[in-house]
Amino acid sequence: MKNSKQNPKSQILRGPEVDKEYGVSKTARYELMKQGLFPKPIKLGPRSVGWLRAELDAWVEARVAERDETAA
């Protein structure tokens, strides 16, 4: 999946990479998606999905903004 010429923001991450880099478990990802609180995956094949890094980064930024609004 990784390509040195690929824009990092358009990079597709598979589930285990999402878990490791963003600190969410598979169960939490799917529960949050069900609630509309986590980016939906894109279908890569019949039994394969991935998430766009740009959407995951935006999700994290939104969580930080939410935290900062609550603290203010």
PDB file of N, CA and C in Angstrom:
ATOM      1  N   MET A   1       0.800  -1.209   0.000  1.00  0.00           N
ATOM      2  CA  MET A   1       0.000   0.000   0.000  1.00  0.00           C
ATOM      3  C   MET A   1       0.840   1.270   0.000  1.00  0.00           C
ATOM      4  N   LYS A   2       1.966   1.230   0.669  1.00  0.00           N
ATOM      5  CA  LYS A   2       2.744   2.446   0.793  1.00  0.00           C
ATOM      6  C   LYS A   2       3.543   2.714  -0.473  1.00  0.00           C
ATOM      7  N   ASN A   3       3.470   3.953  -0.916  1.00  0.00           N
ATOM      8  CA  ASN A   3       4.161   4.368  -2.116  1.00  0.00           C
ATOM      9  C   ASN A   3       4.861   5.668  -1.797  1.00  0.00           C
ATOM     10  N   SER A   4       6.169   5.739  -2.016  1.00  0.00           N
ATOM     11  CA  SER A   4       6.928   6.931  -1.650  1.00  0.00           C
ATOM     12  C   SER A   4       6.473   8.174  -2.410  1.00  0.00           C
ATOM     13  N   LYS A   5       5.855   7.990  -3.580  1.00  0.00           N
ATOM     14  CA  LYS A   5       5.380   9.133  -4.360  1.00  0.00           C
ATOM     15  C   LYS A   5       3.958   9.541  -3.981  1.00  0.00           C
ATOM     16  N   GLN A   6       3.300   8.725  -3.187  1.00  0.00           N
ATOM     17  CA  GLN A   6       1.917   8.974  -2.804  1.00  0.00           C
ATOM     18  C   GLN A   6       1.843  10.122  -1.794  1.00  0.00           C
ATOM     19  N   ASN A   7       0.834  10.969  -1.969  1.00  0.00           N
ATOM     20  CA  ASN A   7       0.573  12.030  -1.022  1.00  0.00           C
ATOM     21  C   ASN A   7       0.196  11.391   0.314  1.00  0.00           C
ATOM     22  N   PRO A   8       0.874  11.737   1.412  1.00  0.00           N
ATOM     23  CA  PRO A   8       0.564  11.106   2.700  1.00  0.00           C
ATOM     24  C   PRO A   8      -0.897  11.276   3.113  1.00  0.00           C
ATOM     25  N   LYS A   9      -1.529  12.369   2.718  1.00  0.00           N
ATOM     26  CA  LYS A   9      -2.920  12.600   3.083  1.00  0.00           C
ATOM     27  C   LYS A   9      -3.868  11.678   2.327  1.00  0.00           C
ATOM     28  N   SER A  10      -3.460  11.147   1.167  1.00  0.00           N
ATOM     29  CA  SER A  10      -4.323  10.242   0.418  1.00  0.00           C
ATOM     30  C   SER A  10      -3.974   8.785   0.702  1.00  0.00           C
ATOM     31  N   GLN A  11      -3.096   8.564   1.636  1.00  0.00           N
ATOM     32  CA  GLN A  11      -2.676   7.210   1.986  1.00  0.00           C
ATOM     33  C   GLN A  11      -3.839   6.434   2.610  1.00  0.00           C
ATOM     34  N   ILE A  12      -3.941   5.178   2.255  1.00  0.00           N
ATOM     35  CA  ILE A  12      -4.979   4.303   2.798  1.00  0.00           C
ATOM     36  C   ILE A  12      -4.343   3.420   3.867  1.00  0.00           C
ATOM     37  N   LEU A  13      -4.995   3.390   5.027  1.00  0.00           N
ATOM     38  CA  LEU A  13      -4.526   2.549   6.128  1.00  0.00           C
ATOM     39  C   LEU A  13      -5.505   1.411   6.348  1.00  0.00           C
ATOM     40  N   ARG A  14      -4.969   0.240   6.604  1.00  0.00           N
ATOM     41  CA  ARG A  14      -5.798  -0.922   6.930  1.00  0.00           C
ATOM     42  C   ARG A  14      -6.055  -0.923   8.433  1.00  0.00           C
ATOM     43  N   GLY A  15      -6.981  -1.757   8.865  1.00  0.00           N
ATOM     44  CA  GLY A  15      -7.416  -1.797  10.258  1.00  0.00           C
ATOM     45  C   GLY A  15      -6.311  -1.836  11.296  1.00  0.00           C
ATOM     46  N   PRO A  16      -5.381  -2.783  11.213  1.00  0.00           N
ATOM     47  CA  PRO A  16      -4.322  -2.845  12.237  1.00  0.00           C
ATOM     48  C   PRO A  16      -3.467  -1.567  12.298  1.00  0.00           C
ATOM     49  N   GLU A  17      -3.265  -0.931  11.142  1.00  0.00           N
ATOM     50  CA  GLU A  17      -2.512   0.332  11.121  1.00  0.00           C
ATOM     51  C   GLU A  17      -3.314   1.442  11.804  1.00  0.00           C
ATOM     52  N   VAL A  18      -4.617   1.453  11.579  1.00  0.00           N
ATOM     53  CA  VAL A  18      -5.488   2.447  12.224  1.00  0.00           C
ATOM     54  C   VAL A  18      -5.423   2.246  13.734  1.00  0.00           C
ATOM     55  N   ASP A  19      -5.539   0.989  14.159  1.00  0.00           N
ATOM     56  CA  ASP A  19      -5.485   0.682  15.590  1.00  0.00           C
ATOM     57  C   ASP A  19      -4.196   1.201  16.211  1.00  0.00           C
ATOM     58  N   LYS A  20      -3.082   0.901  15.564  1.00  0.00           N
ATOM     59  CA  LYS A  20      -1.776   1.263  16.107  1.00  0.00           C
ATOM     60  C   LYS A  20      -1.542   2.771  16.079  1.00  0.00           C
ATOM     61  N   GLU A  21      -1.817   3.418  14.953  1.00  0.00           N
ATOM     62  CA  GLU A  21      -1.491   4.833  14.801  1.00  0.00           C
ATOM     63  C   GLU A  21      -2.491   5.779  15.455  1.00  0.00           C
ATOM     64  N   TYR A  22      -3.739   5.333  15.595  1.00  0.00           N
ATOM     65  CA  TYR A  22      -4.773   6.230  16.121  1.00  0.00           C
ATOM     66  C   TYR A  22      -5.334   5.775  17.462  1.00  0.00           C
ATOM     67  N   GLY A  23      -4.865   4.642  17.971  1.00  0.00           N
ATOM     68  CA  GLY A  23      -5.222   4.197  19.309  1.00  0.00           C
ATOM     69  C   GLY A  23      -6.665   3.766  19.494  1.00  0.00           C
ATOM     70  N   VAL A  24      -7.275   3.239  18.452  1.00  0.00           N
ATOM     71  CA  VAL A  24      -8.639   2.717  18.577  1.00  0.00           C
ATOM     72  C   VAL A  24      -8.642   1.236  18.220  1.00  0.00           C
ATOM     73  N   SER A  25      -9.463   0.481  18.913  1.00  0.00           N
ATOM     74  CA  SER A  25      -9.560  -0.950  18.622  1.00  0.00           C
ATOM     75  C   SER A  25     -10.567  -1.184  17.503  1.00  0.00           C
ATOM     76  N   LYS A  26     -10.537  -2.368  16.965  1.00  0.00           N
ATOM     77  CA  LYS A  26     -11.486  -2.726  15.904  1.00  0.00           C
ATOM     78  C   LYS A  26     -12.917  -2.562  16.418  1.00  0.00           C
ATOM     79  N   THR A  27     -13.186  -3.047  17.604  1.00  0.00           N
ATOM     80  CA  THR A  27     -14.528  -2.945  18.180  1.00  0.00           C
ATOM     81  C   THR A  27     -14.946  -1.491  18.327  1.00  0.00           C
ATOM     82  N   ALA A  28     -14.044  -0.651  18.836  1.00  0.00           N
ATOM     83  CA  ALA A  28     -14.354   0.769  19.027  1.00  0.00           C
ATOM     84  C   ALA A  28     -14.586   1.455  17.684  1.00  0.00           C
ATOM     85  N   ARG A  29     -13.757   1.141  16.678  1.00  0.00           N
ATOM     86  CA  ARG A  29     -13.931   1.734  15.346  1.00  0.00           C
ATOM     87  C   ARG A  29     -15.331   1.495  14.813  1.00  0.00           C
ATOM     88  N   TYR A  30     -15.749   0.237  14.857  1.00  0.00           N
ATOM     89  CA  TYR A  30     -17.046  -0.102  14.277  1.00  0.00           C
ATOM     90  C   TYR A  30     -18.203   0.437  15.112  1.00  0.00           C
ATOM     91  N   GLU A  31     -18.055   0.503  16.422  1.00  0.00           N
ATOM     92  CA  GLU A  31     -19.096   1.094  17.261  1.00  0.00           C
ATOM     93  C   GLU A  31     -19.207   2.597  16.980  1.00  0.00           C
ATOM     94  N   LEU A  32     -18.069   3.279  16.875  1.00  0.00           N
ATOM     95  CA  LEU A  32     -18.078   4.712  16.568  1.00  0.00           C
ATOM     96  C   LEU A  32     -18.660   4.971  15.178  1.00  0.00           C
ATOM     97  N   MET A  33     -18.338   4.115  14.207  1.00  0.00           N
ATOM     98  CA  MET A  33     -18.901   4.272  12.860  1.00  0.00           C
ATOM     99  C   MET A  33     -20.413   4.117  12.898  1.00  0.00           C
ATOM    100  N   LYS A  34     -20.885   3.144  13.673  1.00  0.00           N
ATOM    101  CA  LYS A  34     -22.322   2.911  13.796  1.00  0.00           C
ATOM    102  C   LYS A  34     -23.031   4.152  14.349  1.00  0.00           C
ATOM    103  N   GLN A  35     -22.340   4.873  15.226  1.00  0.00           N
ATOM    104  CA  GLN A  35     -22.889   6.089  15.827  1.00  0.00           C
ATOM    105  C   GLN A  35     -22.644   7.322  14.957  1.00  0.00           C
ATOM    106  N   GLY A  36     -21.930   7.152  13.845  1.00  0.00           N
ATOM    107  CA  GLY A  36     -21.620   8.277  12.958  1.00  0.00           C
ATOM    108  C   GLY A  36     -20.507   9.157  13.483  1.00  0.00           C
ATOM    109  N   LEU A  37     -19.655   8.603  14.353  1.00  0.00           N
ATOM    110  CA  LEU A  37     -18.600   9.382  15.010  1.00  0.00           C
ATOM    111  C   LEU A  37     -17.186   9.029  14.554  1.00  0.00           C
ATOM    112  N   PHE A  38     -17.070   8.208  13.531  1.00  0.00           N
ATOM    113  CA  PHE A  38     -15.750   7.800  13.032  1.00  0.00           C
ATOM    114  C   PHE A  38     -15.843   7.705  11.519  1.00  0.00           C
ATOM    115  N   PRO A  39     -14.767   8.069  10.814  1.00  0.00           N
ATOM    116  CA  PRO A  39     -14.799   7.990   9.347  1.00  0.00           C
ATOM    117  C   PRO A  39     -15.148   6.583   8.863  1.00  0.00           C
ATOM    118  N   LYS A  40     -15.941   6.535   7.819  1.00  0.00           N
ATOM    119  CA  LYS A  40     -16.307   5.244   7.233  1.00  0.00           C
ATOM    120  C   LYS A  40     -15.176   4.760   6.343  1.00  0.00           C
ATOM    121  N   PRO A  41     -14.986   3.451   6.276  1.00  0.00           N
ATOM    122  CA  PRO A  41     -13.929   2.909   5.425  1.00  0.00           C
ATOM    123  C   PRO A  41     -14.319   2.952   3.954  1.00  0.00           C
ATOM    124  N   ILE A  42     -13.318   2.803   3.117  1.00  0.00           N
ATOM    125  CA  ILE A  42     -13.576   2.649   1.689  1.00  0.00           C
ATOM    126  C   ILE A  42     -13.321   1.187   1.327  1.00  0.00           C
ATOM    127  N   LYS A  43     -14.130   0.674   0.447  1.00  0.00           N
ATOM    128  CA  LYS A  43     -14.013  -0.727   0.046  1.00  0.00           C
ATOM    129  C   LYS A  43     -12.840  -0.875  -0.921  1.00  0.00           C
ATOM    130  N   LEU A  44     -11.949  -1.798  -0.598  1.00  0.00           N
ATOM    131  CA  LEU A  44     -10.770  -2.041  -1.429  1.00  0.00           C
ATOM    132  C   LEU A  44     -10.907  -3.323  -2.243  1.00  0.00           C
ATOM    133  N   GLY A  45     -11.748  -4.202  -1.789  1.00  0.00           N
ATOM    134  CA  GLY A  45     -11.946  -5.480  -2.463  1.00  0.00           C
ATOM    135  C   GLY A  45     -13.123  -6.185  -1.825  1.00  0.00           C
ATOM    136  N   PRO A  46     -13.389  -7.422  -2.220  1.00  0.00           N
ATOM    137  CA  PRO A  46     -14.548  -8.145  -1.695  1.00  0.00           C
ATOM    138  C   PRO A  46     -14.567  -8.277  -0.168  1.00  0.00           C
ATOM    139  N   ARG A  47     -13.396  -8.430   0.446  1.00  0.00           N
ATOM    140  CA  ARG A  47     -13.318  -8.589   1.892  1.00  0.00           C
ATOM    141  C   ARG A  47     -12.243  -7.695   2.484  1.00  0.00           C
ATOM    142  N   SER A  48     -12.098  -6.512   1.926  1.00  0.00           N
ATOM    143  CA  SER A  48     -11.007  -5.636   2.327  1.00  0.00           C
ATOM    144  C   SER A  48     -11.469  -4.180   2.349  1.00  0.00           C
ATOM    145  N   VAL A  49     -11.164  -3.492   3.449  1.00  0.00           N
ATOM    146  CA  VAL A  49     -11.476  -2.072   3.555  1.00  0.00           C
ATOM    147  C   VAL A  49     -10.255  -1.329   4.078  1.00  0.00           C
ATOM    148  N   GLY A  50     -10.274  -0.017   3.913  1.00  0.00           N
ATOM    149  CA  GLY A  50      -9.201   0.832   4.427  1.00  0.00           C
ATOM    150  C   GLY A  50      -9.757   2.204   4.735  1.00  0.00           C
ATOM    151  N   TRP A  51      -8.987   2.973   5.464  1.00  0.00           N
ATOM    152  CA  TRP A  51      -9.386   4.323   5.844  1.00  0.00           C
ATOM    153  C   TRP A  51      -8.384   5.318   5.286  1.00  0.00           C
ATOM    154  N   LEU A  52      -8.867   6.457   4.842  1.00  0.00           N
ATOM    155  CA  LEU A  52      -7.987   7.507   4.338  1.00  0.00           C
ATOM    156  C   LEU A  52      -7.345   8.237   5.513  1.00  0.00           C
ATOM    157  N   ARG A  53      -6.034   8.372   5.454  1.00  0.00           N
ATOM    158  CA  ARG A  53      -5.297   9.058   6.520  1.00  0.00           C
ATOM    159  C   ARG A  53      -5.836  10.480   6.728  1.00  0.00           C
ATOM    160  N   ALA A  54      -6.167  11.169   5.654  1.00  0.00           N
ATOM    161  CA  ALA A  54      -6.664  12.545   5.765  1.00  0.00           C
ATOM    162  C   ALA A  54      -7.947  12.591   6.593  1.00  0.00           C
ATOM    163  N   GLU A  55      -8.835  11.624   6.389  1.00  0.00           N
ATOM    164  CA  GLU A  55     -10.082  11.597   7.153  1.00  0.00           C
ATOM    165  C   GLU A  55      -9.824  11.239   8.613  1.00  0.00           C
ATOM    166  N   LEU A  56      -8.885  10.343   8.853  1.00  0.00           N
ATOM    167  CA  LEU A  56      -8.532   9.994  10.231  1.00  0.00           C
ATOM    168  C   LEU A  56      -7.884  11.182  10.944  1.00  0.00           C
ATOM    169  N   ASP A  57      -7.003  11.894  10.239  1.00  0.00           N
ATOM    170  CA  ASP A  57      -6.373  13.077  10.825  1.00  0.00           C
ATOM    171  C   ASP A  57      -7.415  14.145  11.154  1.00  0.00           C
ATOM    172  N   ALA A  58      -8.397  14.321  10.275  1.00  0.00           N
ATOM    173  CA  ALA A  58      -9.472  15.291  10.519  1.00  0.00           C
ATOM    174  C   ALA A  58     -10.303  14.862  11.728  1.00  0.00           C
ATOM    175  N   TRP A  59     -10.520  13.567  11.880  1.00  0.00           N
ATOM    176  CA  TRP A  59     -11.250  13.042  13.027  1.00  0.00           C
ATOM    177  C   TRP A  59     -10.515  13.376  14.328  1.00  0.00           C
ATOM    178  N   VAL A  60      -9.193  13.175  14.332  1.00  0.00           N
ATOM    179  CA  VAL A  60      -8.394  13.498  15.519  1.00  0.00           C
ATOM    180  C   VAL A  60      -8.455  15.002  15.793  1.00  0.00           C
ATOM    181  N   GLU A  61      -8.297  15.817  14.772  1.00  0.00           N
ATOM    182  CA  GLU A  61      -8.352  17.274  14.949  1.00  0.00           C
ATOM    183  C   GLU A  61      -9.695  17.715  15.516  1.00  0.00           C
ATOM    184  N   ALA A  62     -10.769  17.066  15.086  1.00  0.00           N
ATOM    185  CA  ALA A  62     -12.096  17.390  15.614  1.00  0.00           C
ATOM    186  C   ALA A  62     -12.201  17.007  17.091  1.00  0.00           C
ATOM    187  N   ARG A  63     -11.599  15.879  17.479  1.00  0.00           N
ATOM    188  CA  ARG A  63     -11.612  15.474  18.891  1.00  0.00           C
ATOM    189  C   ARG A  63     -10.850  16.488  19.740  1.00  0.00           C
ATOM    190  N   VAL A  64      -9.712  16.990  19.226  1.00  0.00           N
ATOM    191  CA  VAL A  64      -8.918  17.986  19.948  1.00  0.00           C
ATOM    192  C   VAL A  64      -9.715  19.283  20.077  1.00  0.00           C
ATOM    193  N   ALA A  65     -10.353  19.716  18.998  1.00  0.00           N
ATOM    194  CA  ALA A  65     -11.146  20.940  19.036  1.00  0.00           C
ATOM    195  C   ALA A  65     -12.303  20.794  20.024  1.00  0.00           C
ATOM    196  N   GLU A  66     -12.930  19.632  20.034  1.00  0.00           N
ATOM    197  CA  GLU A  66     -14.030  19.359  20.967  1.00  0.00           C
ATOM    198  C   GLU A  66     -13.534  19.442  22.405  1.00  0.00           C
ATOM    199  N   ARG A  67     -12.374  18.875  22.651  1.00  0.00           N
ATOM    200  CA  ARG A  67     -11.778  18.918  23.985  1.00  0.00           C
ATOM    201  C   ARG A  67     -11.492  20.348  24.399  1.00  0.00           C
ATOM    202  N   ASP A  68     -10.911  21.117  23.478  1.00  0.00           N
ATOM    203  CA  ASP A  68     -10.540  22.499  23.793  1.00  0.00           C
ATOM    204  C   ASP A  68     -11.764  23.386  24.017  1.00  0.00           C
ATOM    205  N   GLU A  69     -12.850  23.128  23.284  1.00  0.00           N
ATOM    206  CA  GLU A  69     -14.089  23.896  23.492  1.00  0.00           C
ATOM    207  C   GLU A  69     -14.673  23.603  24.870  1.00  0.00           C
ATOM    208  N   THR A  70     -14.604  22.345  25.271  1.00  0.00           N
ATOM    209  CA  THR A  70     -15.139  21.934  26.570  1.00  0.00           C
ATOM    210  C   THR A  70     -14.317  22.541  27.706  1.00  0.00           C
ATOM    211  N   ALA A  71     -13.006  22.649  27.504  1.00  0.00           N
ATOM    212  CA  ALA A  71     -12.113  23.199  28.531  1.00  0.00           C
ATOM    213  C   ALA A  71     -12.247  24.710  28.674  1.00  0.00           C
ATOM    214  N   ALA A  72     -12.722  25.383  27.616  1.00  0.00           N
ATOM    215  CA  ALA A  72     -12.805  26.846  27.638  1.00  0.00           C
ATOM    216  C   ALA A  72     -13.961  27.362  28.457  1.00  0.00           C
TER     217      ALA A  72
END
